Protein backbone atom coordinates (compact mmCIF):
# COMPACT_ATOMS: atom_id res chain seq x y z
CA MET A 1 79.70 55.58 -37.92
CA ALA A 2 76.96 58.27 -38.11
CA LEU A 3 78.52 59.92 -34.76
CA ASN A 4 82.37 59.95 -36.75
CA LEU A 5 80.70 61.92 -39.67
CA PHE A 6 78.95 64.01 -37.34
CA ARG A 7 82.16 65.01 -35.84
CA SER A 8 83.90 65.68 -39.02
CA SER A 9 84.23 69.21 -40.08
CA SER A 10 83.42 68.38 -43.90
CA LEU A 11 79.72 67.74 -43.36
CA THR A 12 77.40 70.65 -44.16
CA THR A 13 74.82 71.85 -41.73
CA ASN A 14 71.95 70.26 -43.62
CA ASN A 15 73.23 66.76 -43.41
CA ARG A 16 74.15 67.30 -39.60
CA GLN A 17 70.69 67.69 -39.12
CA LEU A 18 69.54 64.50 -40.96
CA ILE A 19 71.95 62.91 -38.91
CA ILE A 20 70.71 64.15 -36.00
CA ALA A 21 67.00 63.02 -36.54
CA LEU A 22 68.01 59.51 -37.48
CA ILE A 23 69.75 59.08 -34.22
CA ASN A 24 66.62 60.51 -32.52
CA ILE A 25 64.50 57.98 -34.42
CA ARG A 26 67.18 54.92 -33.67
CA THR A 27 67.16 55.85 -29.81
CA HIS A 28 63.11 56.41 -29.68
CA TYR A 29 62.65 53.01 -31.15
CA THR A 30 65.16 51.39 -29.05
CA LYS A 31 64.53 52.59 -25.94
CA THR A 32 61.17 54.21 -24.78
CA PRO A 33 61.14 56.88 -22.21
CA ASN A 34 59.55 56.07 -18.73
CA HIS A 35 57.00 59.10 -18.70
CA HIS A 36 55.17 57.92 -15.61
CA THR A 37 57.52 58.42 -12.91
CA LYS A 38 55.66 57.51 -9.77
CA GLU A 39 56.06 53.80 -8.66
CA LYS A 40 52.81 53.15 -7.50
CA TRP A 41 50.89 53.41 -11.00
CA ARG A 42 53.55 50.56 -12.06
CA PRO A 43 51.59 47.51 -11.10
CA PHE A 44 48.26 48.89 -12.75
CA ARG A 45 50.57 49.24 -16.01
CA ARG A 46 51.47 45.80 -15.56
CA GLU A 47 47.94 44.39 -15.28
CA LYS A 48 46.60 45.73 -18.33
CA ILE A 49 48.61 43.75 -20.24
CA LEU A 50 47.73 40.06 -20.45
CA ASP A 51 49.44 36.63 -21.37
CA ILE A 52 47.02 34.80 -23.54
CA ASP A 53 47.99 31.19 -24.58
CA LEU A 54 46.56 30.59 -27.87
CA PRO A 55 46.25 27.42 -29.20
CA ASP A 56 48.46 25.11 -31.30
CA PHE A 57 46.53 23.99 -34.20
CA ASP A 58 49.36 22.64 -35.55
CA LYS A 59 49.77 20.28 -33.02
CA ASP A 60 46.00 19.26 -32.99
CA ARG A 61 46.39 18.42 -36.55
CA LYS A 62 49.33 16.22 -36.04
CA LEU A 63 47.57 14.18 -33.27
CA ARG A 64 44.85 13.53 -35.60
CA THR A 65 46.85 11.65 -38.00
CA TYR A 66 48.48 9.71 -34.85
CA THR A 67 47.25 6.27 -34.25
CA LEU A 68 45.87 4.96 -31.15
CA GLN A 69 48.59 3.80 -29.97
CA GLU A 70 50.66 7.04 -31.09
CA GLN A 71 48.38 9.01 -29.06
CA ARG A 72 48.65 7.05 -25.67
CA GLU A 73 52.36 7.53 -25.99
CA TYR A 74 51.97 11.23 -26.28
CA PHE A 75 49.57 11.45 -23.39
CA LYS A 76 51.86 9.93 -21.34
CA ARG A 77 54.53 11.35 -22.46
CA GLU A 78 52.83 14.64 -21.79
CA GLY A 79 50.99 13.93 -18.64
CA ILE A 80 47.90 14.44 -19.78
CA PRO A 81 44.77 12.01 -19.00
CA PRO A 82 43.41 10.27 -21.73
CA VAL A 83 40.01 11.75 -23.25
CA ARG A 84 37.02 9.18 -22.81
CA GLY A 85 33.83 9.30 -24.89
CA ALA A 86 30.95 8.99 -21.88
CA GLU A 87 31.33 8.58 -18.23
CA TYR A 88 29.77 5.18 -16.82
CA LYS A 89 28.42 5.42 -13.28
CA PRO A 90 28.48 2.20 -11.38
CA LEU A 91 25.13 0.48 -10.61
CA PHE A 92 24.38 -1.29 -7.80
CA ILE A 93 21.39 -3.74 -7.57
CA ASP A 94 20.31 -5.14 -4.03
CA ALA A 95 16.66 -5.78 -4.52
CA SER A 96 13.87 -6.40 -6.75
CA THR A 97 10.85 -4.09 -7.29
CA GLU A 98 7.98 -6.71 -7.33
CA ALA A 99 7.21 -10.13 -6.15
CA PHE A 100 8.08 -13.03 -7.98
CA GLU A 101 4.63 -14.35 -8.88
CA ALA A 102 3.34 -13.02 -5.71
CA TYR A 103 1.40 -15.63 -3.43
CA VAL A 104 -2.23 -15.52 -3.68
CA PRO A 105 -4.34 -15.90 -0.24
CA PRO A 106 -7.65 -18.12 -0.36
CA GLU A 107 -10.82 -15.94 0.40
CA GLY A 108 -11.70 -16.25 4.13
CA ASP A 109 -8.17 -17.11 5.43
CA GLY A 110 -7.97 -16.58 9.15
CA LYS A 111 -11.79 -16.87 9.85
CA ALA A 112 -12.27 -20.69 8.83
CA SER A 113 -11.48 -23.33 11.46
CA LEU A 114 -9.25 -25.79 11.17
CA MET A 115 -11.54 -28.49 9.97
CA SER A 116 -13.66 -26.49 7.85
CA LYS A 117 -14.02 -27.12 3.89
CA ASP A 118 -12.26 -24.01 3.18
CA ARG A 119 -9.40 -24.63 5.68
CA LEU A 120 -8.94 -28.42 3.84
CA ASN A 121 -8.82 -26.91 0.09
CA GLN A 122 -6.16 -24.53 1.39
CA PHE A 123 -4.20 -27.30 2.75
CA TYR A 124 -4.83 -29.15 -0.56
CA THR A 125 -3.58 -26.35 -2.79
CA SER A 126 -0.21 -26.09 -0.52
CA LEU A 127 0.64 -29.78 -1.00
CA LYS A 128 0.58 -29.13 -4.99
CA LYS A 129 2.61 -26.37 -4.49
CA ASN A 130 5.07 -28.52 -2.50
CA ILE A 131 7.08 -29.45 -5.44
CA THR A 132 8.23 -26.04 -6.63
CA THR A 133 8.75 -24.94 -3.03
CA ARG A 134 11.27 -27.91 -2.56
CA LYS A 135 12.90 -26.83 -5.97
CA HIS A 136 13.33 -23.52 -5.23
CA SER A 137 14.38 -24.29 -1.55
CA SER A 138 17.23 -26.49 -3.06
CA THR A 139 18.59 -23.30 -4.68
CA ILE A 140 18.68 -21.38 -1.54
CA ARG A 141 20.33 -24.43 -0.06
CA LYS A 142 23.25 -24.15 -2.48
CA HIS A 143 24.20 -20.82 -1.40
CA GLU A 144 22.73 -21.09 2.12
CA PRO A 145 23.34 -24.66 3.55
CA ASP A 146 21.35 -24.16 7.00
CA PHE A 147 18.19 -23.20 5.36
CA GLU A 148 15.19 -24.91 7.15
CA PRO A 149 11.76 -23.17 6.14
CA LEU A 150 10.17 -24.31 9.39
CA LEU A 151 12.85 -22.50 11.32
CA PHE A 152 12.84 -19.63 8.88
CA ALA A 153 9.47 -18.49 9.84
CA GLU A 154 10.66 -17.86 13.47
CA ILE A 155 13.95 -15.86 12.07
CA ALA A 156 11.45 -14.05 9.54
CA GLN A 157 9.16 -13.44 12.55
CA GLN A 158 11.87 -11.66 14.73
CA LYS A 159 12.71 -9.60 12.03
CA TYR A 160 9.36 -8.10 11.30
CA ILE A 161 9.07 -7.33 14.67
CA ASP A 162 12.89 -5.93 14.62
CA ALA A 163 11.57 -3.20 11.63
CA HIS A 164 8.46 -2.29 13.32
CA GLN A 165 10.50 -1.40 16.44
CA ALA A 166 12.96 0.66 14.30
CA LEU A 167 10.29 2.57 12.59
CA MET A 168 8.93 3.69 15.71
CA ASP A 169 11.89 4.97 17.14
CA ARG A 170 12.97 6.36 14.15
CA ASP A 171 16.16 4.26 13.92
CA GLU A 172 17.09 4.76 10.06
CA GLU A 173 20.11 2.87 10.08
CA ARG A 174 18.85 -0.18 11.48
CA LEU A 175 15.66 -0.02 9.21
CA ILE A 176 17.31 -0.19 6.34
CA GLN A 177 19.47 -3.37 7.34
CA LEU A 178 16.09 -5.02 8.03
CA VAL A 179 14.04 -3.88 5.03
CA THR A 180 14.57 -3.41 1.17
CA PRO A 181 14.94 0.47 0.03
CA GLY A 182 11.55 0.00 -1.67
CA SER A 183 9.88 -1.17 1.98
CA PHE A 184 11.75 1.79 3.35
CA SER A 185 9.94 4.14 1.32
CA GLN A 186 6.60 2.75 1.67
CA MET A 187 6.51 2.13 5.59
CA GLY A 188 7.87 5.35 6.16
CA ARG A 189 5.36 7.40 4.30
CA GLY A 190 2.80 9.93 5.78
CA LEU A 191 4.85 9.61 9.15
CA ARG A 192 6.83 12.95 8.79
CA TYR A 193 4.66 14.85 11.53
CA LYS A 194 3.18 11.91 13.27
CA THR A 195 4.01 9.73 16.00
CA LEU A 196 3.56 5.87 15.67
CA ARG A 197 2.71 3.42 18.51
CA TRP A 198 2.94 -0.11 17.58
CA LYS A 199 3.21 -3.49 19.59
CA TRP A 200 3.42 -7.06 18.59
CA VAL A 201 1.07 -8.62 21.40
CA ASP A 202 0.99 -12.47 20.91
CA GLU A 203 0.96 -14.72 17.86
CA ILE A 204 -2.40 -16.80 17.35
CA GLU A 205 -1.25 -19.02 14.98
CA PRO A 206 2.56 -20.10 14.62
CA SER A 207 4.21 -18.45 11.42
CA TYR A 208 5.02 -21.15 8.72
CA VAL A 209 6.41 -20.45 5.06
CA VAL A 210 3.79 -20.53 2.47
CA SER A 211 5.63 -19.58 -0.86
CA ILE A 212 9.51 -20.14 -1.87
CA LYS A 213 10.68 -18.49 -5.50
CA SER A 214 13.78 -17.98 -6.85
CA GLY A 215 15.27 -16.48 -9.90
CA GLU A 216 18.20 -14.87 -11.96
CA ILE A 217 17.68 -11.24 -12.63
CA LEU A 218 20.80 -10.53 -14.15
CA LYS A 219 23.55 -12.72 -15.07
CA GLY A 220 25.39 -14.43 -12.22
CA MET A 221 22.73 -12.41 -10.01
CA THR A 222 20.38 -14.95 -8.13
CA MET A 223 17.41 -13.65 -5.65
CA ALA A 224 15.46 -15.54 -3.47
CA GLN A 225 12.09 -14.31 -1.92
CA ILE A 226 10.10 -16.26 0.79
CA THR A 227 6.41 -15.70 1.72
CA VAL A 228 5.22 -15.98 5.47
CA ARG A 229 2.01 -16.17 6.85
CA MET A 230 1.47 -14.39 10.01
CA HIS A 231 -1.38 -14.40 12.18
CA SER A 232 -1.09 -12.62 15.70
CA LYS A 233 -2.53 -10.04 17.62
CA GLN A 234 -1.24 -6.19 17.26
CA THR A 235 -1.66 -2.74 18.68
CA CYS A 236 -1.52 0.34 16.41
CA ALA A 237 -2.21 4.04 16.89
CA ILE A 238 -0.90 6.82 14.70
CA TYR A 239 -1.12 10.29 16.53
CA ASP A 240 -0.96 13.57 14.81
CA ARG A 241 1.61 16.43 15.50
CA PHE A 242 -1.12 17.82 18.19
CA GLY A 243 -1.41 14.67 19.91
CA ARG A 244 -4.50 14.03 18.65
CA LEU A 245 -5.45 10.22 17.62
CA MET A 246 -6.03 9.58 14.45
CA PHE A 247 -6.05 5.56 13.50
CA GLY A 248 -6.35 2.89 16.00
CA ASN A 249 -5.78 2.24 19.43
CA GLU A 250 -2.98 2.06 21.58
CA THR A 251 -4.67 -0.41 24.21
CA LEU A 252 -7.07 -2.23 22.34
CA PRO A 253 -4.94 -5.29 20.15
CA LYS A 254 -6.86 -6.49 16.71
CA ASP A 255 -5.90 -9.80 14.91
CA VAL A 256 -3.94 -9.31 12.18
CA LEU A 257 -3.32 -11.68 9.21
CA GLU A 258 -0.64 -11.00 6.98
CA TYR A 259 1.56 -12.32 4.09
CA VAL A 260 4.96 -10.81 4.58
CA VAL A 261 7.38 -11.69 1.61
CA PHE A 262 11.27 -11.54 2.59
CA GLU A 263 14.27 -11.23 0.22
CA ARG A 264 17.84 -12.11 -0.16
CA VAL A 265 20.16 -11.72 -3.04
CA LEU A 266 21.81 -15.15 -2.95
CA THR A 267 25.37 -14.45 -4.89
CA PHE A 268 26.05 -11.81 -2.26
CA SER A 269 27.64 -13.78 0.62
CA HIS A 270 27.42 -10.18 2.85
CA SER A 271 23.49 -10.11 2.18
CA GLN A 272 20.83 -11.06 4.30
CA TRP A 273 17.13 -11.67 4.21
CA ARG A 274 14.89 -8.43 4.61
CA VAL A 275 11.41 -7.12 4.65
CA HIS A 276 10.46 -6.51 0.90
CA SER A 277 6.70 -6.38 0.83
CA LYS A 278 3.08 -7.60 1.95
CA ILE A 279 0.56 -9.29 -0.46
CA LEU A 280 -2.85 -7.45 -0.39
CA PRO A 281 -5.50 -9.69 -1.73
CA SER A 282 -8.24 -8.30 -3.60
CA TRP A 283 -11.08 -9.30 -1.38
CA LEU A 284 -9.35 -7.51 1.95
CA PRO A 285 -11.88 -5.28 3.34
CA PRO A 286 -10.85 -1.35 3.21
CA SER A 287 -8.93 0.08 6.43
CA ASP A 288 -10.35 2.68 8.76
CA PRO A 289 -9.69 6.21 7.20
CA LEU A 290 -7.53 8.58 9.11
CA LEU A 291 -8.91 11.43 11.37
CA TYR A 292 -7.53 14.68 10.71
CA THR A 293 -8.26 17.80 12.66
CA PHE A 294 -9.55 20.87 10.88
CA GLU A 295 -10.29 24.42 12.13
CA LYS A 296 -13.94 24.79 13.44
CA PRO A 297 -15.87 26.70 10.70
CA ASP A 298 -18.09 29.48 11.98
CA ILE A 299 -21.46 28.17 11.18
CA LYS A 300 -24.73 30.02 11.18
CA TYR A 301 -27.62 28.32 11.81
CA ILE A 302 -30.82 29.61 9.87
CA ASP A 303 -34.44 29.12 11.40
CA GLU A 304 -36.54 27.80 9.20
CA ASP A 305 -39.64 30.16 10.20
CA ILE A 306 -37.46 33.02 8.53
CA PRO A 307 -38.09 33.63 4.94
CA THR A 308 -35.24 33.38 2.27
CA ASP A 309 -35.98 36.84 1.37
CA ALA A 310 -35.26 38.00 5.27
CA VAL A 311 -31.83 35.74 5.12
CA GLU A 312 -30.75 37.31 1.38
CA ASP A 313 -31.36 40.84 3.19
CA GLU A 314 -29.17 40.01 6.15
CA LYS A 315 -26.49 38.71 3.76
CA LYS A 316 -26.46 42.02 1.69
CA ARG A 317 -25.93 43.96 5.08
CA ASP A 318 -23.33 41.73 6.16
CA GLN A 319 -21.29 42.39 3.28
CA ILE A 320 -22.45 46.12 3.19
CA ALA A 321 -20.98 46.52 6.59
CA LYS A 322 -17.81 44.65 5.76
CA GLU A 323 -17.27 47.19 2.53
CA GLN A 324 -17.49 49.60 5.14
CA GLU A 325 -15.29 48.39 7.46
CA THR A 326 -12.54 47.91 4.81
CA THR A 327 -12.85 51.54 3.72
CA THR A 328 -12.68 53.18 6.95
CA ARG A 329 -9.71 51.11 7.54
CA THR A 330 -7.88 52.40 4.21
CA ILE A 331 -8.91 56.08 4.73
CA PRO A 332 -6.85 57.19 7.93
CA GLY A 333 -8.27 60.21 10.13
CA PRO A 334 -7.22 63.64 10.63
CA GLY A 335 -5.53 62.58 13.97
CA GLU A 336 -3.50 60.04 12.19
CA LEU A 337 -2.00 62.11 9.37
CA LYS A 338 1.52 62.91 9.56
CA THR A 339 0.74 66.71 8.16
CA PRO A 340 -2.25 68.18 9.40
CA ILE A 341 -4.57 69.51 6.59
CA PRO A 342 -4.39 73.28 6.22
CA ASN A 343 -6.89 75.61 7.23
CA LEU A 344 -8.15 78.84 5.14
CA SER A 345 -6.20 81.05 7.82
CA ASP A 346 -3.10 79.28 6.70
CA ILE A 347 -3.76 79.32 3.32
CA SER A 348 -4.44 83.21 3.39
CA GLN A 349 -1.03 83.90 5.53
CA HIS A 350 0.77 81.91 2.95
CA ASN A 351 -0.24 83.80 -0.21
CA ARG A 352 0.22 87.18 1.89
CA LYS A 353 3.26 89.77 0.55
CA ARG A 354 6.31 89.96 3.05
CA THR A 355 7.85 93.19 3.24
CA ILE A 356 11.49 93.13 4.01
CA GLY A 357 13.18 95.61 6.25
CA TYR A 358 12.08 97.11 9.23
CA SER A 359 8.47 97.49 9.81
């Protein structure tokens, strides 16, 4: 329409100029001219503009008004996983931390003869505990029908030997099958840079079961612990990383009396008996300390005839000599400097005026 009016001769010059301005304004806003003619700048101009997905607040408000069933249907329709309030991690318990009513060994056990008074008292106390032992052994037979305490002592002794052999060979996969996680950390403690040499030589007395305990830790989870008395001859030696002997003797066997606790989760069909811990009585004497390797110190022997004043003077002289040595090391000599020290002749030549041109 504007073009038709523009073409008509009845319009004045002022009206024509107004129509031209209107046409220019309309074309300017409808089609922007491309002032950047180079194609290589086009992707950079495109990257200057970012498309941001703003959250739909109306949808969130509607979602709060939905019931629990409507929210599940909405999430399922949109393909969104449901929001959970907390994350629960699975917890697996296959061992206990402590022994159930730990057996208290009688004092002097292993030293008294078979017909002595202490040994008879020990036999009498074991008969009194036989009633509770039968009760807990019947609990074990519900899950393990072939259980016999006399036969179990031999199996436990072999597991004890295999566990120490795996520890000596540093076979962690085999060791974790024979001991509980708590016993695994205790047996390997302090042996990182050391070498262990252990050997079962012979048994002095046959191993036998002294205590059987069972209990329900959690609902539907029953554990059993059996304490086995082992009196044997063993050799044990520990070497440091330099190959020096720290503890024991590899050739001389010693009499060892131990009360080893074995544990098993009865409700798990795939579980097996493992070494749980050792019972250390209060009357047990302390073991020999480890012999560590140290650097030999530089010791200066002082004669008793020399007075103390002379010794202190000598110490002061040594200290002064060390201080002088450190000062001489810190200050470099004339030959060690990168730039030589200037002489008087060099300074006078530097300040002398130079003539320009021919001399």
